[in-house]
């Protein structure tokens, strides 16, 4: 009886790379027949627990890989138990099925790896976008805070300038008020001086009129005396004595009666006292009016 030993297809390197380690030894598993073990059959040392441990990474990688590894383990177990495929007709379907499994296994694992890679890329992109959004938010907050600080600084500077301007306006207002009060006082003082000047001018006009009147009266008396002396006789009668007495009484001081009257009393305007009597008198000697001033008259 002929024994056809069919070798199982080896696992592709990509499947082992996904798990991070080799699943089996580089040596191939083989079928045994008629109590003989073909060289290269070393699967007897791998137990069921070790196979489950080796299948664990593929179970996490993709659900389809678990089924493929289970079928592969069953085939390995059948080869170890001595099951042989007799004849060409009985062993023909097995290699095609194994080939399909070997062809499907890398494809499923590659798809799982690609899906994981895409998921990692998506996660990295999401993380980058999250950090970028967080950074932009922090930058926007920092920009707003800086803008608020600038606005606060500008407002503080403007407030200081406005306060300084208000103080200056208040100071200028006080100065204007003081100047206005001083101007009012000067206006009142000017009015007083104007009134005093007008009163002094009136007094001067009155004194000038009195002086003119006195000068005219003195001139008339002198003319009358001269005409009387020319018309009188040489024996000097009583008329000459009377005229001389009247002239002497008119020009004599009413206070002492000895000196000539040379001071004009105010406000009555009587020429009735000499300088000594006018300085000592408090009233006019002629009319008794209270004196508030006097003017010395010079007839020379």
Protein backbone atom coordinates (compact mmCIF):
# COMPACT_ATOMS: atom_id res chain seq x y z
CA UNK A 1 0.00 0.00 0.00
CA UNK A 2 1.50 3.21 -1.12
CA UNK A 3 1.64 6.08 1.31
CA UNK A 4 1.56 9.61 -0.04
CA UNK A 5 2.96 12.06 2.43
CA UNK A 6 1.50 15.48 1.80
CA UNK A 7 3.25 18.38 3.37
CA UNK A 8 1.11 21.11 4.91
CA UNK A 9 1.68 24.60 3.53
CA UNK A 10 3.84 26.79 5.74
CA UNK A 11 2.44 29.90 7.44
CA UNK A 12 3.27 33.10 5.59
CA UNK A 13 5.85 35.37 7.26
CA UNK A 14 3.33 38.22 7.45
CA UNK A 15 1.16 36.25 9.87
CA UNK A 16 4.10 35.68 12.18
CA UNK A 17 5.18 39.31 11.97
CA UNK A 18 1.76 40.46 13.12
CA UNK A 19 2.03 38.43 16.30
CA UNK A 20 5.57 39.69 16.93
CA UNK A 21 7.10 36.18 17.00
CA UNK A 22 7.30 32.98 14.98
CA UNK A 23 4.41 30.59 15.48
CA UNK A 24 6.27 27.41 14.54
CA UNK A 25 9.76 26.21 13.84
CA UNK A 26 11.08 26.57 10.28
CA UNK A 27 10.83 22.83 9.98
CA UNK A 28 7.74 21.60 8.14
CA UNK A 29 5.16 19.25 9.60
CA UNK A 30 4.52 16.01 7.64
CA UNK A 31 2.09 13.13 7.52
CA UNK A 32 3.03 9.66 8.82
CA UNK A 33 1.86 6.46 7.35
CA UNK A 34 2.16 2.75 8.03
CA UNK A 35 3.82 3.36 11.39
CA UNK A 36 6.70 5.31 9.90
CA UNK A 37 7.49 8.92 10.55
CA UNK A 38 8.79 10.86 7.61
CA UNK A 39 11.88 12.92 8.42
CA UNK A 40 10.99 16.48 9.35
CA UNK A 41 7.88 15.66 11.42
CA UNK A 42 8.51 17.46 14.72
CA UNK A 43 4.98 18.53 15.66
CA UNK A 44 4.73 15.97 18.44
CA UNK A 45 6.36 18.29 20.96
CA UNK A 46 3.78 21.07 20.62
CA UNK A 47 0.89 20.55 22.95
CA UNK A 48 -2.60 21.90 22.77
CA UNK A 49 -1.98 24.58 25.42
CA UNK A 50 0.99 25.96 23.50
CA UNK A 51 -1.10 26.17 20.36
CA UNK A 52 -3.82 28.10 22.24
CA UNK A 53 -1.20 30.51 23.57
CA UNK A 54 0.15 31.00 20.07
CA UNK A 55 -3.35 31.61 18.74
CA UNK A 56 -4.10 34.31 21.33
CA UNK A 57 -2.46 37.23 19.42
CA UNK A 58 -4.40 36.32 16.29
CA UNK A 59 -7.63 36.22 18.23
CA UNK A 60 -7.02 39.81 19.28
CA UNK A 61 -5.96 40.80 15.78
CA UNK A 62 -8.93 39.45 13.78
CA UNK A 63 -11.86 37.04 14.45
CA UNK A 64 -11.31 35.19 11.13
CA UNK A 65 -7.75 34.32 12.06
CA UNK A 66 -8.94 32.30 15.05
CA UNK A 67 -10.96 29.95 12.87
CA UNK A 68 -8.07 29.49 10.46
CA UNK A 69 -5.65 28.66 13.26
CA UNK A 70 -8.13 26.21 14.78
CA UNK A 71 -8.45 24.33 11.49
CA UNK A 72 -4.69 24.32 11.11
CA UNK A 73 -4.28 22.85 14.60
CA UNK A 74 -6.82 20.11 13.85
CA UNK A 75 -4.92 19.17 10.71
CA UNK A 76 -1.66 19.03 12.63
CA UNK A 77 -3.27 16.84 15.28
CA UNK A 78 -4.59 14.47 12.62
CA UNK A 79 -1.12 14.19 11.13
CA UNK A 80 0.37 13.34 14.53
CA UNK A 81 -2.25 10.64 15.23
CA UNK A 82 -1.18 8.64 12.14
CA UNK A 83 -4.11 9.26 9.83
CA UNK A 84 -3.00 8.66 6.26
CA UNK A 85 -4.58 9.44 2.95
CA UNK A 86 -4.45 6.33 0.69
CA UNK A 87 -4.39 6.45 -3.10
CA UNK A 88 -4.50 9.36 -5.39
CA UNK A 89 -8.28 9.68 -5.26
CA UNK A 90 -8.52 9.89 -1.45
CA UNK A 91 -5.78 12.50 -0.98
CA UNK A 92 -6.64 14.84 -3.80
CA UNK A 93 -9.18 17.12 -2.07
CA UNK A 94 -7.01 17.82 1.01
CA UNK A 95 -4.21 19.83 -0.64
CA UNK A 96 -6.68 22.12 -2.40
CA UNK A 97 -8.51 22.85 0.84
CA UNK A 98 -5.24 23.50 2.64
CA UNK A 99 -4.11 25.73 -0.19
CA UNK A 100 -7.32 27.77 0.08
CA UNK A 101 -6.84 28.12 3.81
CA UNK A 102 -3.22 29.15 3.28
CA UNK A 103 -4.31 31.68 0.66
CA UNK A 104 -7.14 33.08 2.78
CA UNK A 105 -5.14 33.32 6.00
CA UNK A 106 -2.59 35.99 4.91
CA UNK A 107 -5.34 37.99 3.24
CA UNK A 108 -7.42 38.14 6.42
CA UNK A 109 -4.41 38.97 8.55
CA UNK A 110 -3.25 41.61 6.10
CA UNK A 111 -6.69 43.19 6.16
CA UNK A 112 -6.66 43.17 9.96
CA UNK A 113 -3.21 44.77 10.03
CA UNK A 114 -4.28 47.39 7.49
CA UNK A 115 -7.41 48.13 9.52
CA UNK A 116 -5.34 48.51 12.66
CA UNK A 117 -2.90 50.78 10.83
CA UNK A 118 -5.75 52.92 9.53
CA UNK A 119 -7.26 53.06 13.00
CA UNK A 120 -3.90 54.12 14.43
CA UNK A 121 -3.57 56.82 11.77
CA UNK A 122 -7.09 58.02 12.57
CA UNK A 123 -6.27 58.03 16.30
CA UNK A 124 -3.05 59.94 15.69
CA UNK A 125 -4.87 62.45 13.50
CA UNK A 126 -7.57 62.84 16.12
CA UNK A 127 -4.93 63.36 18.82
CA UNK A 128 -3.10 65.91 16.67
CA UNK A 129 -6.35 67.73 15.93
CA UNK A 130 -7.26 67.72 19.62
CA UNK A 131 -3.88 69.16 20.60
CA UNK A 132 -4.05 71.70 17.76
CA UNK A 133 -7.53 72.80 18.85
CA UNK A 134 -6.34 73.04 22.44
CA UNK A 135 -3.30 75.06 21.36
CA UNK A 136 -5.44 77.41 19.25
CA UNK A 137 -7.85 77.86 22.15
CA UNK A 138 -4.96 78.69 24.48
CA UNK A 139 -3.52 81.11 21.92
CA UNK A 140 -6.93 82.77 21.49
CA UNK A 141 -7.33 83.07 25.26
CA UNK A 142 -3.81 84.49 25.56
CA UNK A 143 -4.55 86.96 22.76
CA UNK A 144 -7.80 88.03 24.45
CA UNK A 145 -6.01 88.39 27.78
CA UNK A 146 -3.27 90.46 26.14
CA UNK A 147 -5.92 92.62 24.43
CA UNK A 148 -7.70 93.14 27.76
CA UNK A 149 -4.41 94.13 29.39
CA UNK A 150 -3.67 96.60 26.60
CA UNK A 151 -7.18 98.07 26.84
CA UNK A 152 -6.83 98.36 30.62
CA UNK A 153 -3.45 100.09 30.26
CA UNK A 154 -4.84 102.52 27.66
CA UNK A 155 -7.88 103.23 29.86
CA UNK A 156 -5.65 103.86 32.88
CA UNK A 157 -3.44 106.26 30.90
CA UNK A 158 -6.50 108.05 29.50
CA UNK A 159 -8.01 108.29 32.99
CA UNK A 160 -4.79 109.80 34.35
CA UNK A 161 -4.68 112.35 31.55
CA UNK A 162 -8.35 113.22 32.01
CA UNK A 163 -7.83 113.60 35.76
CA UNK A 164 -4.84 115.89 35.13
CA UNK A 165 -6.90 117.95 32.66
CA UNK A 166 -9.77 118.20 35.17
CA UNK A 167 -7.37 119.40 37.86
CA UNK A 168 -5.90 121.95 35.46
CA UNK A 169 -9.39 123.16 34.50
CA UNK A 170 -10.30 123.50 38.18
CA UNK A 171 -7.08 125.42 38.89
CA UNK A 172 -7.69 127.76 35.95
CA UNK A 173 -11.28 128.26 37.14
CA UNK A 174 -10.08 129.27 40.60
CA UNK A 175 -7.53 131.64 39.03
CA UNK A 176 -10.22 133.19 36.83
CA UNK A 177 -12.49 133.64 39.85
CA UNK A 178 -9.67 135.37 41.76
CA UNK A 179 -8.95 137.61 38.78
CA UNK A 180 -12.63 138.48 38.44
CA UNK A 181 -12.83 139.37 42.13
CA UNK A 182 -9.71 141.50 41.81
CA UNK A 183 -11.15 143.19 38.73
CA UNK A 184 -14.36 143.96 40.60
CA UNK A 185 -12.35 145.44 43.49
CA UNK A 186 -10.30 147.53 41.09
CA UNK A 187 -13.48 148.72 39.39
CA UNK A 188 -14.94 149.78 42.75
CA UNK A 189 -11.66 151.47 43.68
CA UNK A 190 -11.59 153.26 40.33
CA UNK A 191 -15.15 154.45 40.92
CA UNK A 192 -14.15 155.76 44.35
CA UNK A 193 -11.16 157.55 42.89
CA UNK A 194 -13.36 158.98 40.15
CA UNK A 195 -15.83 160.28 42.70
CA UNK A 196 -13.00 161.73 44.77
CA UNK A 197 -11.50 163.39 41.71
CA UNK A 198 -14.85 164.85 40.80
CA UNK A 199 -15.33 166.17 44.34
CA UNK A 200 -11.80 167.59 44.36
CA UNK A 201 -12.43 169.18 41.00
CA UNK A 202 -15.63 170.74 42.30
CA UNK A 203 -13.78 172.03 45.38
CA UNK A 204 -11.02 173.43 43.19
CA UNK A 205 -13.58 175.16 40.98
CA UNK A 206 -15.26 176.63 44.04
CA UNK A 207 -11.96 177.81 45.45
CA UNK A 208 -11.06 179.34 42.14
CA UNK A 209 -14.37 181.16 42.08
CA UNK A 210 -13.85 182.40 45.66
CA UNK A 211 -10.38 183.58 44.83
CA UNK A 212 -11.66 185.39 41.80
CA UNK A 213 -14.37 186.95 43.92
CA UNK A 214 -11.88 188.02 46.61
CA UNK A 215 -9.49 189.40 44.05
CA UNK A 216 -12.28 191.35 42.44
CA UNK A 217 -13.41 192.69 45.81
CA UNK A 218 -9.87 193.66 46.76
CA UNK A 219 -9.48 195.40 43.42
CA UNK A 220 -12.73 197.25 43.90
CA UNK A 221 -11.71 198.29 47.42
CA UNK A 222 -8.34 199.53 46.17
CA UNK A 223 -9.95 201.47 43.34
CA UNK A 224 -12.50 202.96 45.71
CA UNK A 225 -9.80 203.93 48.20
CA UNK A 226 -7.72 205.56 45.51
CA UNK A 227 -10.68 207.51 44.16
CA UNK A 228 -11.69 208.54 47.67
CA UNK A 229 -8.19 209.74 48.49
CA UNK A 230 -8.09 211.74 45.29
CA UNK A 231 -11.44 213.40 46.03
CA UNK A 232 -10.76 214.07 49.72
CA UNK A 233 -9.35 217.31 51.13
CA UNK A 234 -5.92 217.72 52.40
CA UNK A 235 -7.03 217.98 56.00
CA UNK A 236 -7.99 214.29 56.09
CA UNK A 237 -11.45 214.31 57.44
CA UNK A 238 -13.42 211.57 59.17
CA UNK A 239 -14.32 209.80 55.90
CA UNK A 240 -10.76 208.70 55.34
CA UNK A 241 -10.53 207.27 58.83
CA UNK A 242 -13.77 205.32 58.37
CA UNK A 243 -12.66 203.88 55.04
CA UNK A 244 -9.34 202.82 56.45
CA UNK A 245 -11.06 201.17 59.42
CA UNK A 246 -13.44 199.22 57.13
CA UNK A 247 -10.57 197.99 54.95
CA UNK A 248 -8.59 196.97 58.00
CA UNK A 249 -11.61 195.18 59.52
CA UNK A 250 -12.26 193.33 56.26
CA UNK A 251 -8.70 192.01 55.85
CA UNK A 252 -7.96 191.40 59.54
CA UNK A 253 -8.12 187.93 61.16
CA UNK A 254 -11.38 187.26 62.98
CA UNK A 255 -9.55 185.09 65.51
CA UNK A 256 -6.72 187.24 66.80
CA UNK A 257 -7.62 190.53 65.08
CA UNK A 258 -3.98 191.37 64.49
CA UNK A 259 -2.70 189.43 61.48
CA UNK A 260 -4.20 189.58 58.02
CA UNK A 261 -6.74 186.95 57.01
CA UNK A 262 -4.93 184.62 54.57
CA UNK A 263 -6.71 181.26 55.03
CA UNK A 264 -10.00 180.23 53.35
CA UNK A 265 -12.15 178.08 55.64
CA UNK A 266 -14.08 175.10 54.18
CA UNK A 267 -16.88 174.39 53.54
CA UNK A 268 -18.23 177.85 54.32
CA UNK A 269 -15.49 179.50 52.18
CA UNK A 270 -14.89 182.48 54.47
CA UNK A 271 -11.53 184.23 54.34
CA UNK A 272 -11.54 184.98 58.06
CA UNK A 273 -8.41 183.64 59.77
CA UNK A 274 -4.69 183.84 59.65
CA UNK A 275 -2.49 180.77 59.29
CA UNK A 276 -1.94 180.36 63.04
CA UNK A 277 -5.61 180.75 63.94
CA UNK A 278 -6.75 178.52 61.05
CA UNK A 279 -4.46 175.70 62.22
CA UNK A 280 -5.81 175.91 65.77
CA UNK A 281 -9.48 176.60 64.97
CA UNK A 282 -12.06 173.80 64.52
CA UNK A 283 -14.76 176.13 63.19
CA UNK A 284 -14.96 179.21 61.06
CA UNK A 285 -14.42 182.38 63.17
CA UNK A 286 -16.83 184.33 60.98
CA UNK A 287 -19.92 182.05 60.92
CA UNK A 288 -19.12 179.26 63.39
CA UNK A 289 -19.50 176.45 60.80
CA UNK A 290 -17.52 173.29 61.50
CA UNK A 291 -14.30 173.25 59.55
CA UNK A 292 -13.38 170.21 57.42
CA UNK A 293 -10.51 171.85 55.56
CA UNK A 294 -8.70 175.05 54.79
CA UNK A 295 -6.83 176.61 51.87
CA UNK A 296 -4.01 179.13 52.24
CA UNK A 297 -4.39 182.09 49.86
CA UNK A 298 -1.35 183.96 48.58
CA UNK A 299 -2.24 187.51 47.47
CA UNK A 300 1.24 188.48 46.27
